[in-house]
Amino acid sequence: MSGGKKTVRVTLVKGLRGTREDHRLTVRGLGLRRREQTVEIEDTPSTRGMINKVGYLLKCEG
């Protein structure tokens, strides 16, 4: 954690095959490209909204 900013770890646990186009773009916007990939992103209201939109594809920690 840098600078005391809150972060959240997000892991893509399901594949994107058969999902809606806007959901695939949202996952890509979170920085996730492949299954089982984990990224650490800043915890902001906009990223929380993105996580809530595609929550059925993700595992969220932190």
PDB file of N, CA and C in Angstrom:
ATOM      1  N   MET A   1       0.841  -1.173   0.000  1.00  0.00           N
ATOM      2  CA  MET A   1       0.000   0.000   0.000  1.00  0.00           C
ATOM      3  C   MET A   1       0.890   1.241   0.000  1.00  0.00           C
ATOM      4  N   SER A   2       0.631   2.109  -0.934  1.00  0.00           N
ATOM      5  CA  SER A   2       1.477   3.281  -1.073  1.00  0.00           C
ATOM      6  C   SER A   2       0.721   4.542  -0.680  1.00  0.00           C
ATOM      7  N   GLY A   3       1.347   5.364   0.144  1.00  0.00           N
ATOM      8  CA  GLY A   3       0.769   6.647   0.483  1.00  0.00           C
ATOM      9  C   GLY A   3      -0.441   6.594   1.385  1.00  0.00           C
ATOM     10  N   GLY A   4      -0.712   5.454   2.004  1.00  0.00           N
ATOM     11  CA  GLY A   4      -1.851   5.347   2.905  1.00  0.00           C
ATOM     12  C   GLY A   4      -3.196   5.249   2.210  1.00  0.00           C
ATOM     13  N   LYS A   5      -3.207   5.084   0.893  1.00  0.00           N
ATOM     14  CA  LYS A   5      -4.472   4.955   0.176  1.00  0.00           C
ATOM     15  C   LYS A   5      -5.008   3.542   0.339  1.00  0.00           C
ATOM     16  N   LYS A   6      -6.318   3.441   0.445  1.00  0.00           N
ATOM     17  CA  LYS A   6      -6.935   2.128   0.573  1.00  0.00           C
ATOM     18  C   LYS A   6      -6.941   1.437  -0.779  1.00  0.00           C
ATOM     19  N   THR A   7      -6.630   0.150  -0.743  1.00  0.00           N
ATOM     20  CA  THR A   7      -6.648  -0.640  -1.970  1.00  0.00           C
ATOM     21  C   THR A   7      -7.494  -1.891  -1.740  1.00  0.00           C
ATOM     22  N   VAL A   8      -7.879  -2.506  -2.833  1.00  0.00           N
ATOM     23  CA  VAL A   8      -8.650  -3.734  -2.783  1.00  0.00           C
ATOM     24  C   VAL A   8      -8.045  -4.698  -3.799  1.00  0.00           C
ATOM     25  N   ARG A   9      -7.949  -5.969  -3.420  1.00  0.00           N
ATOM     26  CA  ARG A   9      -7.426  -7.004  -4.317  1.00  0.00           C
ATOM     27  C   ARG A   9      -8.616  -7.689  -4.989  1.00  0.00           C
ATOM     28  N   VAL A  10      -8.568  -7.760  -6.313  1.00  0.00           N
ATOM     29  CA  VAL A  10      -9.653  -8.336  -7.098  1.00  0.00           C
ATOM     30  C   VAL A  10      -9.080  -9.462  -7.950  1.00  0.00           C
ATOM     31  N   THR A  11      -9.742 -10.615  -7.913  1.00  0.00           N
ATOM     32  CA  THR A  11      -9.320 -11.777  -8.698  1.00  0.00           C
ATOM     33  C   THR A  11     -10.465 -12.197  -9.610  1.00  0.00           C
ATOM     34  N   LEU A  12     -10.155 -12.439 -10.869  1.00  0.00           N
ATOM     35  CA  LEU A  12     -11.137 -12.939 -11.825  1.00  0.00           C
ATOM     36  C   LEU A  12     -11.242 -14.450 -11.634  1.00  0.00           C
ATOM     37  N   VAL A  13     -12.381 -14.939 -11.173  1.00  0.00           N
ATOM     38  CA  VAL A  13     -12.518 -16.362 -10.862  1.00  0.00           C
ATOM     39  C   VAL A  13     -13.325 -17.129 -11.909  1.00  0.00           C
ATOM     40  N   LYS A  14     -14.020 -16.424 -12.786  1.00  0.00           N
ATOM     41  CA  LYS A  14     -14.765 -17.085 -13.854  1.00  0.00           C
ATOM     42  C   LYS A  14     -14.322 -16.521 -15.187  1.00  0.00           C
ATOM     43  N   GLY A  15     -14.428 -17.336 -16.211  1.00  0.00           N
ATOM     44  CA  GLY A  15     -14.079 -16.883 -17.553  1.00  0.00           C
ATOM     45  C   GLY A  15     -15.123 -15.926 -18.100  1.00  0.00           C
ATOM     46  N   LEU A  16     -14.756 -15.194 -19.131  1.00  0.00           N
ATOM     47  CA  LEU A  16     -15.637 -14.185 -19.700  1.00  0.00           C
ATOM     48  C   LEU A  16     -16.485 -14.704 -20.857  1.00  0.00           C
ATOM     49  N   ARG A  17     -16.281 -15.939 -21.216  1.00  0.00           N
ATOM     50  CA  ARG A  17     -17.026 -16.515 -22.320  1.00  0.00           C
ATOM     51  C   ARG A  17     -18.516 -16.533 -21.998  1.00  0.00           C
ATOM     52  N   GLY A  18     -19.323 -16.020 -22.909  1.00  0.00           N
ATOM     53  CA  GLY A  18     -20.770 -16.031 -22.730  1.00  0.00           C
ATOM     54  C   GLY A  18     -21.301 -14.877 -21.906  1.00  0.00           C
ATOM     55  N   THR A  19     -20.440 -13.947 -21.504  1.00  0.00           N
ATOM     56  CA  THR A  19     -20.909 -12.798 -20.732  1.00  0.00           C
ATOM     57  C   THR A  19     -21.229 -11.638 -21.661  1.00  0.00           C
ATOM     58  N   ARG A  20     -21.908 -10.634 -21.126  1.00  0.00           N
ATOM     59  CA  ARG A  20     -22.284  -9.467 -21.914  1.00  0.00           C
ATOM     60  C   ARG A  20     -21.050  -8.639 -22.254  1.00  0.00           C
ATOM     61  N   GLU A  21     -21.124  -7.952 -23.380  1.00  0.00           N
ATOM     62  CA  GLU A  21     -20.001  -7.135 -23.850  1.00  0.00           C
ATOM     63  C   GLU A  21     -19.629  -6.056 -22.837  1.00  0.00           C
ATOM     64  N   ASP A  22     -20.619  -5.391 -22.242  1.00  0.00           N
ATOM     65  CA  ASP A  22     -20.297  -4.329 -21.282  1.00  0.00           C
ATOM     66  C   ASP A  22     -19.662  -4.891 -20.015  1.00  0.00           C
ATOM     67  N   HIS A  23     -19.986  -6.129 -19.664  1.00  0.00           N
ATOM     68  CA  HIS A  23     -19.345  -6.761 -18.512  1.00  0.00           C
ATOM     69  C   HIS A  23     -17.892  -7.106 -18.831  1.00  0.00           C
ATOM     70  N   ARG A  24     -17.641  -7.561 -20.045  1.00  0.00           N
ATOM     71  CA  ARG A  24     -16.259  -7.841 -20.449  1.00  0.00           C
ATOM     72  C   ARG A  24     -15.424  -6.565 -20.444  1.00  0.00           C
ATOM     73  N   LEU A  25     -15.996  -5.472 -20.900  1.00  0.00           N
ATOM     74  CA  LEU A  25     -15.283  -4.202 -20.908  1.00  0.00           C
ATOM     75  C   LEU A  25     -15.039  -3.694 -19.483  1.00  0.00           C
ATOM     76  N   THR A  26     -15.974  -3.938 -18.583  1.00  0.00           N
ATOM     77  CA  THR A  26     -15.803  -3.532 -17.190  1.00  0.00           C
ATOM     78  C   THR A  26     -14.664  -4.306 -16.540  1.00  0.00           C
ATOM     79  N   VAL A  27     -14.611  -5.616 -16.784  1.00  0.00           N
ATOM     80  CA  VAL A  27     -13.518  -6.436 -16.245  1.00  0.00           C
ATOM     81  C   VAL A  27     -12.187  -5.942 -16.794  1.00  0.00           C
ATOM     82  N   ARG A  28     -12.147  -5.624 -18.066  1.00  0.00           N
ATOM     83  CA  ARG A  28     -10.922  -5.103 -18.683  1.00  0.00           C
ATOM     84  C   ARG A  28     -10.542  -3.753 -18.066  1.00  0.00           C
ATOM     85  N   GLY A  29     -11.541  -2.931 -17.759  1.00  0.00           N
ATOM     86  CA  GLY A  29     -11.300  -1.642 -17.124  1.00  0.00           C
ATOM     87  C   GLY A  29     -10.719  -1.772 -15.729  1.00  0.00           C
ATOM     88  N   LEU A  30     -11.001  -2.883 -15.073  1.00  0.00           N
ATOM     89  CA  LEU A  30     -10.420  -3.148 -13.759  1.00  0.00           C
ATOM     90  C   LEU A  30      -8.975  -3.635 -13.866  1.00  0.00           C
ATOM     91  N   GLY A  31      -8.523  -3.919 -15.091  1.00  0.00           N
ATOM     92  CA  GLY A  31      -7.141  -4.349 -15.290  1.00  0.00           C
ATOM     93  C   GLY A  31      -6.973  -5.850 -15.330  1.00  0.00           C
ATOM     94  N   LEU A  32      -8.065  -6.568 -15.451  1.00  0.00           N
ATOM     95  CA  LEU A  32      -8.009  -8.034 -15.480  1.00  0.00           C
ATOM     96  C   LEU A  32      -8.087  -8.522 -16.918  1.00  0.00           C
ATOM     97  N   ARG A  33      -7.190  -9.451 -17.263  1.00  0.00           N
ATOM     98  CA  ARG A  33      -7.151  -9.973 -18.626  1.00  0.00           C
ATOM     99  C   ARG A  33      -7.488 -11.450 -18.704  1.00  0.00           C
ATOM    100  N   ARG A  34      -7.038 -12.224 -17.715  1.00  0.00           N
ATOM    101  CA  ARG A  34      -7.263 -13.668 -17.800  1.00  0.00           C
ATOM    102  C   ARG A  34      -7.756 -14.214 -16.461  1.00  0.00           C
ATOM    103  N   ARG A  35      -8.295 -15.414 -16.512  1.00  0.00           N
ATOM    104  CA  ARG A  35      -8.834 -16.074 -15.336  1.00  0.00           C
ATOM    105  C   ARG A  35      -7.751 -16.309 -14.296  1.00  0.00           C
ATOM    106  N   GLU A  36      -8.104 -16.186 -13.033  1.00  0.00           N
ATOM    107  CA  GLU A  36      -7.209 -16.370 -11.890  1.00  0.00           C
ATOM    108  C   GLU A  36      -6.155 -15.268 -11.762  1.00  0.00           C
ATOM    109  N   GLN A  37      -6.276 -14.200 -12.540  1.00  0.00           N
ATOM    110  CA  GLN A  37      -5.368 -13.067 -12.400  1.00  0.00           C
ATOM    111  C   GLN A  37      -5.849 -12.179 -11.261  1.00  0.00           C
ATOM    112  N   THR A  38      -4.925 -11.657 -10.467  1.00  0.00           N
ATOM    113  CA  THR A  38      -5.247 -10.778  -9.353  1.00  0.00           C
ATOM    114  C   THR A  38      -4.594  -9.425  -9.569  1.00  0.00           C
ATOM    115  N   VAL A  39      -5.355  -8.367  -9.317  1.00  0.00           N
ATOM    116  CA  VAL A  39      -4.815  -7.015  -9.378  1.00  0.00           C
ATOM    117  C   VAL A  39      -5.175  -6.291  -8.094  1.00  0.00           C
ATOM    118  N   GLU A  40      -4.373  -5.309  -7.743  1.00  0.00           N
ATOM    119  CA  GLU A  40      -4.639  -4.483  -6.586  1.00  0.00           C
ATOM    120  C   GLU A  40      -4.953  -3.087  -7.101  1.00  0.00           C
ATOM    121  N   ILE A  41      -6.176  -2.616  -6.821  1.00  0.00           N
ATOM    122  CA  ILE A  41      -6.613  -1.321  -7.334  1.00  0.00           C
ATOM    123  C   ILE A  41      -7.040  -0.423  -6.181  1.00  0.00           C
ATOM    124  N   GLU A  42      -7.042   0.867  -6.435  1.00  0.00           N
ATOM    125  CA  GLU A  42      -7.439   1.835  -5.427  1.00  0.00           C
ATOM    126  C   GLU A  42      -8.933   1.706  -5.147  1.00  0.00           C
ATOM    127  N   ASP A  43      -9.295   1.794  -3.879  1.00  0.00           N
ATOM    128  CA  ASP A  43     -10.688   1.639  -3.457  1.00  0.00           C
ATOM    129  C   ASP A  43     -11.397   2.986  -3.541  1.00  0.00           C
ATOM    130  N   THR A  44     -12.075   3.222  -4.658  1.00  0.00           N
ATOM    131  CA  THR A  44     -12.834   4.449  -4.865  1.00  0.00           C
ATOM    132  C   THR A  44     -14.281   4.083  -5.166  1.00  0.00           C
ATOM    133  N   PRO A  45     -15.200   5.039  -5.074  1.00  0.00           N
ATOM    134  CA  PRO A  45     -16.594   4.733  -5.407  1.00  0.00           C
ATOM    135  C   PRO A  45     -16.768   4.222  -6.838  1.00  0.00           C
ATOM    136  N   SER A  46     -15.985   4.730  -7.783  1.00  0.00           N
ATOM    137  CA  SER A  46     -16.134   4.274  -9.162  1.00  0.00           C
ATOM    138  C   SER A  46     -15.671   2.829  -9.331  1.00  0.00           C
ATOM    139  N   THR A  47     -14.562   2.464  -8.681  1.00  0.00           N
ATOM    140  CA  THR A  47     -14.115   1.075  -8.789  1.00  0.00           C
ATOM    141  C   THR A  47     -15.054   0.152  -8.026  1.00  0.00           C
ATOM    142  N   ARG A  48     -15.623   0.600  -6.927  1.00  0.00           N
ATOM    143  CA  ARG A  48     -16.619  -0.205  -6.208  1.00  0.00           C
ATOM    144  C   ARG A  48     -17.832  -0.475  -7.088  1.00  0.00           C
ATOM    145  N   GLY A  49     -18.254   0.521  -7.844  1.00  0.00           N
ATOM    146  CA  GLY A  49     -19.376   0.327  -8.764  1.00  0.00           C
ATOM    147  C   GLY A  49     -19.059  -0.687  -9.837  1.00  0.00           C
ATOM    148  N   MET A  50     -17.837  -0.646 -10.351  1.00  0.00           N
ATOM    149  CA  MET A  50     -17.420  -1.620 -11.357  1.00  0.00           C
ATOM    150  C   MET A  50     -17.389  -3.020 -10.772  1.00  0.00           C
ATOM    151  N   ILE A  51     -16.883  -3.140  -9.540  1.00  0.00           N
ATOM    152  CA  ILE A  51     -16.824  -4.443  -8.874  1.00  0.00           C
ATOM    153  C   ILE A  51     -18.227  -4.981  -8.633  1.00  0.00           C
ATOM    154  N   ASN A  52     -19.157  -4.117  -8.220  1.00  0.00           N
ATOM    155  CA  ASN A  52     -20.537  -4.551  -7.985  1.00  0.00           C
ATOM    156  C   ASN A  52     -21.208  -5.002  -9.275  1.00  0.00           C
ATOM    157  N   LYS A  53     -20.886  -4.360 -10.388  1.00  0.00           N
ATOM    158  CA  LYS A  53     -21.501  -4.696 -11.667  1.00  0.00           C
ATOM    159  C   LYS A  53     -21.138  -6.108 -12.116  1.00  0.00           C
ATOM    160  N   VAL A  54     -19.893  -6.497 -11.909  1.00  0.00           N
ATOM    161  CA  VAL A  54     -19.428  -7.802 -12.379  1.00  0.00           C
ATOM    162  C   VAL A  54     -19.013  -8.691 -11.204  1.00  0.00           C
ATOM    163  N   GLY A  55     -19.631  -8.501 -10.070  1.00  0.00           N
ATOM    164  CA  GLY A  55     -19.277  -9.238  -8.869  1.00  0.00           C
ATOM    165  C   GLY A  55     -19.406 -10.739  -8.987  1.00  0.00           C
ATOM    166  N   TYR A  56     -20.268 -11.203  -9.887  1.00  0.00           N
ATOM    167  CA  TYR A  56     -20.452 -12.641 -10.056  1.00  0.00           C
ATOM    168  C   TYR A  56     -19.255 -13.294 -10.746  1.00  0.00           C
ATOM    169  N   LEU A  57     -18.345 -12.483 -11.282  1.00  0.00           N
ATOM    170  CA  LEU A  57     -17.150 -13.012 -11.939  1.00  0.00           C
ATOM    171  C   LEU A  57     -15.899 -12.886 -11.072  1.00  0.00           C
ATOM    172  N   LEU A  58     -16.003 -12.156  -9.962  1.00  0.00           N
ATOM    173  CA  LEU A  58     -14.830 -11.764  -9.187  1.00  0.00           C
ATOM    174  C   LEU A  58     -14.822 -12.309  -7.779  1.00  0.00           C
ATOM    175  N   LYS A  59     -13.619 -12.315  -7.190  1.00  0.00           N
ATOM    176  CA  LYS A  59     -13.434 -12.494  -5.752  1.00  0.00           C
ATOM    177  C   LYS A  59     -12.711 -11.245  -5.279  1.00  0.00           C
ATOM    178  N   CYS A  60     -13.245 -10.633  -4.216  1.00  0.00           N
ATOM    179  CA  CYS A  60     -12.735  -9.366  -3.763  1.00  0.00           C
ATOM    180  C   CYS A  60     -12.204  -9.523  -2.328  1.00  0.00           C
ATOM    181  N   GLU A  61     -11.008  -8.994  -2.072  1.00  0.00           N
ATOM    182  CA  GLU A  61     -10.407  -9.048  -0.745  1.00  0.00           C
ATOM    183  C   GLU A  61      -9.934  -7.653  -0.350  1.00  0.00           C
ATOM    184  N   GLY A  62     -10.099  -7.327   0.904  1.00  0.00           N
ATOM    185  CA  GLY A  62      -9.494  -6.112   1.414  1.00  0.00           C
ATOM    186  C   GLY A  62     -10.427  -5.011   1.667  1.00  0.00           C
TER     187      GLY A  62
END
